[in-house]
Amino acid sequence: MAIKEKIEGDIAILTLKGDLVGDPETTELKEKVGSLISDEIRKVIIDLGKVRYVNSTGLGTLISTLGKTRDAGGKLALARVGDNVQNLFVITQLVKVFDTYETVDRAIAGLKTKKK
């Protein structure tokens, strides 16, 4: 899996490509979000448009990154969630936990207007 980082103002956009299924990918994502928070960037969008598959380890990583951003007073949003991943979110009831958006632009707008 590859992670591409882009900063727009006070929002970091992490575009993932590949599968989110375990180490080293999950560790890399956790470290990337931790680094952003250390750099005072507390609004994070994870673009899942190019992620084909997420397993339980990947779900745990997404939940962990959500907790980490919230603990730091920040916000996390998911963008371009594919059908396979969306179905997994529905089955696990994580659709109630994550803020998801159809596009990265909508996620940016959502993070700019959303209150804690």
N, C-alpha and C. Protein backbone atom coordinates (compact mmCIF):
# COMPACT_ATOMS: atom_id res chain seq x y z
N MET A 1 0.84 -1.18 0.00
CA MET A 1 0.00 0.00 0.00
C MET A 1 0.88 1.24 0.00
N ALA A 2 0.43 2.25 -0.69
CA ALA A 2 1.15 3.52 -0.73
C ALA A 2 0.29 4.60 -0.09
N ILE A 3 0.95 5.55 0.58
CA ILE A 3 0.25 6.68 1.19
C ILE A 3 0.83 7.96 0.61
N LYS A 4 -0.05 8.76 0.03
CA LYS A 4 0.36 10.05 -0.53
C LYS A 4 -0.24 11.14 0.36
N GLU A 5 0.60 12.08 0.77
CA GLU A 5 0.16 13.14 1.68
C GLU A 5 0.09 14.47 0.95
N LYS A 6 -0.99 15.21 1.22
CA LYS A 6 -1.15 16.55 0.67
C LYS A 6 -1.74 17.42 1.78
N ILE A 7 -1.20 18.62 1.93
CA ILE A 7 -1.69 19.55 2.95
C ILE A 7 -2.40 20.70 2.26
N GLU A 8 -3.63 20.96 2.68
CA GLU A 8 -4.39 22.10 2.18
C GLU A 8 -4.81 22.93 3.38
N GLY A 9 -4.10 24.01 3.62
CA GLY A 9 -4.39 24.85 4.79
C GLY A 9 -4.10 24.08 6.06
N ASP A 10 -5.13 23.88 6.89
CA ASP A 10 -4.94 23.15 8.14
C ASP A 10 -5.48 21.72 8.05
N ILE A 11 -5.66 21.23 6.81
CA ILE A 11 -6.20 19.89 6.60
C ILE A 11 -5.18 19.03 5.85
N ALA A 12 -4.94 17.83 6.37
CA ALA A 12 -4.08 16.86 5.68
C ALA A 12 -4.95 15.86 4.95
N ILE A 13 -4.59 15.58 3.71
CA ILE A 13 -5.30 14.58 2.92
C ILE A 13 -4.33 13.43 2.67
N LEU A 14 -4.70 12.26 3.17
CA LEU A 14 -3.88 11.07 2.98
C LEU A 14 -4.60 10.17 1.98
N THR A 15 -4.00 9.99 0.81
CA THR A 15 -4.58 9.15 -0.22
C THR A 15 -3.91 7.78 -0.14
N LEU A 16 -4.71 6.76 0.12
CA LEU A 16 -4.19 5.41 0.24
C LEU A 16 -4.43 4.66 -1.07
N LYS A 17 -3.48 3.80 -1.42
CA LYS A 17 -3.62 2.99 -2.63
C LYS A 17 -3.17 1.57 -2.31
N GLY A 18 -4.05 0.61 -2.57
CA GLY A 18 -3.74 -0.79 -2.29
C GLY A 18 -4.70 -1.36 -1.28
N ASP A 19 -4.23 -2.30 -0.47
CA ASP A 19 -5.05 -2.95 0.54
C ASP A 19 -4.60 -2.51 1.93
N LEU A 20 -5.56 -2.34 2.82
CA LEU A 20 -5.27 -1.97 4.21
C LEU A 20 -5.55 -3.21 5.06
N VAL A 21 -4.52 -4.05 5.19
CA VAL A 21 -4.75 -5.37 5.80
C VAL A 21 -3.79 -5.74 6.93
N GLY A 22 -2.77 -4.98 7.18
CA GLY A 22 -1.83 -5.35 8.25
C GLY A 22 -0.52 -4.63 8.08
N ASP A 23 0.47 -5.06 8.88
CA ASP A 23 1.78 -4.44 8.82
C ASP A 23 2.42 -4.73 7.47
N PRO A 24 3.21 -3.80 6.95
CA PRO A 24 3.62 -2.51 7.52
C PRO A 24 2.65 -1.37 7.22
N GLU A 25 1.63 -1.63 6.41
CA GLU A 25 0.72 -0.56 5.99
C GLU A 25 0.00 0.10 7.16
N THR A 26 -0.53 -0.71 8.06
CA THR A 26 -1.29 -0.14 9.16
C THR A 26 -0.40 0.67 10.10
N THR A 27 0.80 0.19 10.33
CA THR A 27 1.74 0.92 11.18
C THR A 27 2.13 2.24 10.52
N GLU A 28 2.33 2.21 9.22
CA GLU A 28 2.70 3.42 8.48
C GLU A 28 1.59 4.47 8.56
N LEU A 29 0.34 4.04 8.45
CA LEU A 29 -0.78 4.98 8.54
C LEU A 29 -0.88 5.58 9.94
N LYS A 30 -0.75 4.76 10.96
CA LYS A 30 -0.79 5.26 12.35
C LYS A 30 0.33 6.27 12.59
N GLU A 31 1.53 5.94 12.12
CA GLU A 31 2.68 6.85 12.31
C GLU A 31 2.48 8.15 11.55
N LYS A 32 1.92 8.08 10.35
CA LYS A 32 1.68 9.27 9.54
C LYS A 32 0.70 10.20 10.26
N VAL A 33 -0.39 9.66 10.78
CA VAL A 33 -1.37 10.48 11.49
C VAL A 33 -0.75 11.04 12.78
N GLY A 34 0.02 10.24 13.48
CA GLY A 34 0.71 10.73 14.68
C GLY A 34 1.65 11.87 14.37
N SER A 35 2.36 11.77 13.27
CA SER A 35 3.28 12.82 12.84
C SER A 35 2.52 14.10 12.50
N LEU A 36 1.39 13.97 11.83
CA LEU A 36 0.59 15.15 11.48
C LEU A 36 0.11 15.86 12.75
N ILE A 37 -0.35 15.08 13.71
CA ILE A 37 -0.83 15.66 14.97
C ILE A 37 0.32 16.36 15.69
N SER A 38 1.50 15.76 15.67
CA SER A 38 2.69 16.39 16.28
C SER A 38 3.02 17.71 15.61
N ASP A 39 2.70 17.80 14.31
CA ASP A 39 2.96 19.02 13.55
C ASP A 39 1.79 20.00 13.63
N GLU A 40 0.88 19.77 14.58
CA GLU A 40 -0.27 20.66 14.81
C GLU A 40 -1.32 20.60 13.70
N ILE A 41 -1.31 19.55 12.90
CA ILE A 41 -2.35 19.36 11.88
C ILE A 41 -3.32 18.34 12.45
N ARG A 42 -4.50 18.82 12.82
CA ARG A 42 -5.45 17.97 13.53
C ARG A 42 -6.71 17.64 12.73
N LYS A 43 -6.77 18.07 11.49
CA LYS A 43 -7.88 17.71 10.61
C LYS A 43 -7.31 16.81 9.53
N VAL A 44 -7.82 15.59 9.46
CA VAL A 44 -7.26 14.60 8.55
C VAL A 44 -8.37 13.97 7.72
N ILE A 45 -8.13 13.88 6.43
CA ILE A 45 -9.01 13.16 5.51
C ILE A 45 -8.24 11.95 5.00
N ILE A 46 -8.85 10.79 5.10
CA ILE A 46 -8.26 9.59 4.53
C ILE A 46 -9.08 9.24 3.29
N ASP A 47 -8.44 9.35 2.14
CA ASP A 47 -9.07 9.08 0.85
C ASP A 47 -8.90 7.59 0.55
N LEU A 48 -10.02 6.87 0.58
CA LEU A 48 -10.00 5.42 0.39
C LEU A 48 -10.40 5.01 -1.03
N GLY A 49 -10.43 5.96 -1.96
CA GLY A 49 -10.88 5.69 -3.32
C GLY A 49 -10.09 4.62 -4.05
N LYS A 50 -8.83 4.43 -3.69
CA LYS A 50 -7.99 3.43 -4.37
C LYS A 50 -7.67 2.25 -3.47
N VAL A 51 -8.44 2.10 -2.38
CA VAL A 51 -8.26 0.96 -1.49
C VAL A 51 -9.25 -0.12 -1.91
N ARG A 52 -8.71 -1.29 -2.23
CA ARG A 52 -9.55 -2.39 -2.71
C ARG A 52 -10.15 -3.19 -1.58
N TYR A 53 -9.39 -3.37 -0.49
CA TYR A 53 -9.80 -4.30 0.55
C TYR A 53 -9.31 -3.81 1.91
N VAL A 54 -10.17 -3.96 2.92
CA VAL A 54 -9.81 -3.65 4.30
C VAL A 54 -10.23 -4.85 5.14
N ASN A 55 -9.33 -5.35 5.98
CA ASN A 55 -9.69 -6.46 6.87
C ASN A 55 -9.85 -5.92 8.30
N SER A 56 -9.96 -6.80 9.26
CA SER A 56 -10.18 -6.37 10.65
C SER A 56 -9.01 -5.55 11.18
N THR A 57 -7.80 -5.87 10.78
CA THR A 57 -6.64 -5.08 11.20
C THR A 57 -6.72 -3.67 10.63
N GLY A 58 -7.11 -3.57 9.37
CA GLY A 58 -7.29 -2.27 8.74
C GLY A 58 -8.38 -1.45 9.41
N LEU A 59 -9.49 -2.10 9.74
CA LEU A 59 -10.57 -1.42 10.46
C LEU A 59 -10.08 -0.91 11.81
N GLY A 60 -9.33 -1.75 12.51
CA GLY A 60 -8.78 -1.35 13.80
C GLY A 60 -7.87 -0.14 13.67
N THR A 61 -7.12 -0.09 12.59
CA THR A 61 -6.23 1.05 12.35
C THR A 61 -7.03 2.32 12.09
N LEU A 62 -8.09 2.22 11.31
CA LEU A 62 -8.94 3.40 11.05
C LEU A 62 -9.59 3.89 12.35
N ILE A 63 -10.05 2.96 13.19
CA ILE A 63 -10.65 3.33 14.47
C ILE A 63 -9.60 3.98 15.36
N SER A 64 -8.40 3.43 15.37
CA SER A 64 -7.30 3.98 16.17
C SER A 64 -6.94 5.40 15.73
N THR A 65 -6.88 5.63 14.42
CA THR A 65 -6.55 6.96 13.93
C THR A 65 -7.66 7.96 14.24
N LEU A 66 -8.91 7.50 14.22
CA LEU A 66 -10.03 8.35 14.61
C LEU A 66 -9.88 8.76 16.07
N GLY A 67 -9.58 7.80 16.92
CA GLY A 67 -9.39 8.10 18.34
C GLY A 67 -8.23 9.04 18.59
N LYS A 68 -7.15 8.82 17.87
CA LYS A 68 -5.96 9.66 18.03
C LYS A 68 -6.25 11.11 17.64
N THR A 69 -6.96 11.31 16.54
CA THR A 69 -7.27 12.68 16.11
C THR A 69 -8.25 13.33 17.08
N ARG A 70 -9.24 12.59 17.53
CA ARG A 70 -10.21 13.15 18.48
C ARG A 70 -9.54 13.50 19.81
N ASP A 71 -8.66 12.61 20.29
CA ASP A 71 -7.95 12.88 21.54
C ASP A 71 -7.12 14.15 21.47
N ALA A 72 -6.65 14.47 20.26
CA ALA A 72 -5.84 15.68 20.06
C ALA A 72 -6.72 16.90 19.78
N GLY A 73 -8.04 16.72 19.86
CA GLY A 73 -8.95 17.83 19.58
C GLY A 73 -9.20 18.04 18.10
N GLY A 74 -8.91 17.02 17.31
CA GLY A 74 -9.06 17.15 15.87
C GLY A 74 -10.24 16.40 15.32
N LYS A 75 -10.26 16.28 13.99
CA LYS A 75 -11.35 15.63 13.28
C LYS A 75 -10.77 14.73 12.19
N LEU A 76 -11.44 13.63 11.95
CA LEU A 76 -11.04 12.71 10.89
C LEU A 76 -12.25 12.43 10.01
N ALA A 77 -12.04 12.45 8.71
CA ALA A 77 -13.10 12.12 7.76
C ALA A 77 -12.56 11.12 6.75
N LEU A 78 -13.46 10.31 6.22
CA LEU A 78 -13.11 9.36 5.17
C LEU A 78 -13.77 9.82 3.88
N ALA A 79 -13.04 9.74 2.79
CA ALA A 79 -13.56 10.16 1.49
C ALA A 79 -13.46 9.02 0.48
N ARG A 80 -14.36 9.03 -0.48
CA ARG A 80 -14.37 8.09 -1.60
C ARG A 80 -14.29 6.63 -1.14
N VAL A 81 -15.13 6.30 -0.19
CA VAL A 81 -15.17 4.94 0.34
C VAL A 81 -15.82 4.04 -0.70
N GLY A 82 -15.07 3.04 -1.16
CA GLY A 82 -15.57 2.13 -2.19
C GLY A 82 -16.66 1.21 -1.66
N ASP A 83 -17.35 0.55 -2.58
CA ASP A 83 -18.47 -0.32 -2.21
C ASP A 83 -18.07 -1.43 -1.25
N ASN A 84 -16.94 -2.09 -1.51
CA ASN A 84 -16.51 -3.19 -0.64
C ASN A 84 -16.28 -2.70 0.79
N VAL A 85 -15.59 -1.58 0.91
CA VAL A 85 -15.28 -1.03 2.23
C VAL A 85 -16.56 -0.48 2.87
N GLN A 86 -17.41 0.17 2.08
CA GLN A 86 -18.67 0.70 2.61
C GLN A 86 -19.54 -0.43 3.15
N ASN A 87 -19.61 -1.55 2.43
CA ASN A 87 -20.39 -2.69 2.91
C ASN A 87 -19.86 -3.20 4.24
N LEU A 88 -18.55 -3.22 4.39
CA LEU A 88 -17.93 -3.63 5.64
C LEU A 88 -18.30 -2.66 6.77
N PHE A 89 -18.31 -1.37 6.46
CA PHE A 89 -18.71 -0.36 7.46
C PHE A 89 -20.16 -0.54 7.88
N VAL A 90 -21.02 -0.89 6.94
CA VAL A 90 -22.43 -1.11 7.26
C VAL A 90 -22.58 -2.33 8.17
N ILE A 91 -21.94 -3.43 7.80
CA ILE A 91 -22.02 -4.67 8.57
C ILE A 91 -21.52 -4.46 10.00
N THR A 92 -20.43 -3.71 10.15
CA THR A 92 -19.82 -3.51 11.46
C THR A 92 -20.40 -2.31 12.21
N GLN A 93 -21.36 -1.62 11.59
CA GLN A 93 -22.00 -0.44 12.17
C GLN A 93 -21.05 0.76 12.30
N LEU A 94 -19.92 0.70 11.62
CA LEU A 94 -18.97 1.81 11.67
C LEU A 94 -19.45 3.01 10.86
N VAL A 95 -20.52 2.84 10.07
CA VAL A 95 -21.09 3.98 9.36
C VAL A 95 -21.61 5.02 10.36
N LYS A 96 -21.90 4.57 11.58
CA LYS A 96 -22.37 5.47 12.63
C LYS A 96 -21.21 6.19 13.34
N VAL A 97 -20.00 5.72 13.12
CA VAL A 97 -18.83 6.24 13.82
C VAL A 97 -18.04 7.23 12.97
N PHE A 98 -17.86 6.90 11.70
CA PHE A 98 -17.04 7.71 10.81
C PHE A 98 -17.87 8.71 10.01
N ASP A 99 -17.31 9.89 9.79
CA ASP A 99 -17.88 10.84 8.85
C ASP A 99 -17.33 10.48 7.48
N THR A 100 -18.21 10.12 6.56
CA THR A 100 -17.76 9.74 5.22
C THR A 100 -18.36 10.68 4.19
N TYR A 101 -17.59 10.91 3.14
CA TYR A 101 -17.99 11.84 2.08
C TYR A 101 -17.73 11.21 0.73
N GLU A 102 -18.53 11.60 -0.26
CA GLU A 102 -18.39 11.05 -1.61
C GLU A 102 -17.11 11.49 -2.29
N THR A 103 -16.64 12.71 -1.99
CA THR A 103 -15.43 13.24 -2.62
C THR A 103 -14.52 13.87 -1.56
N VAL A 104 -13.28 14.07 -1.94
CA VAL A 104 -12.34 14.76 -1.05
C VAL A 104 -12.77 16.21 -0.85
N ASP A 105 -13.25 16.85 -1.91
CA ASP A 105 -13.69 18.25 -1.78
C ASP A 105 -14.83 18.39 -0.77
N ARG A 106 -15.76 17.45 -0.80
CA ARG A 106 -16.86 17.49 0.17
C ARG A 106 -16.35 17.24 1.59
N ALA A 107 -15.36 16.37 1.72
CA ALA A 107 -14.77 16.11 3.03
C ALA A 107 -14.08 17.37 3.56
N ILE A 108 -13.38 18.07 2.68
CA ILE A 108 -12.72 19.32 3.09
C ILE A 108 -13.77 20.31 3.57
N ALA A 109 -14.83 20.47 2.80
CA ALA A 109 -15.90 21.39 3.19
C ALA A 109 -16.53 20.95 4.51
N GLY A 110 -16.71 19.66 4.69
CA GLY A 110 -17.28 19.14 5.93
C GLY A 110 -16.41 19.41 7.14
N LEU A 111 -15.12 19.26 6.98
CA LEU A 111 -14.21 19.51 8.10
C LEU A 111 -14.11 20.99 8.42
N LYS A 112 -14.27 21.82 7.41
CA LYS A 112 -14.21 23.27 7.65
C LYS A 112 -15.43 23.78 8.40
N THR A 113 -16.57 23.14 8.19
CA THR A 113 -17.81 23.64 8.80
C THR A 113 -18.25 22.85 10.03
N LYS A 114 -17.76 21.62 10.17
CA LYS A 114 -18.23 20.76 11.25
C LYS A 114 -17.67 21.19 12.60
N LYS A 115 -18.53 21.22 13.57
CA LYS A 115 -18.12 21.50 14.95
C LYS A 115 -17.68 20.19 15.58
N LYS A 116 -16.93 20.31 16.67
CA LYS A 116 -16.47 19.10 17.39
C LYS A 116 -17.62 18.30 17.90
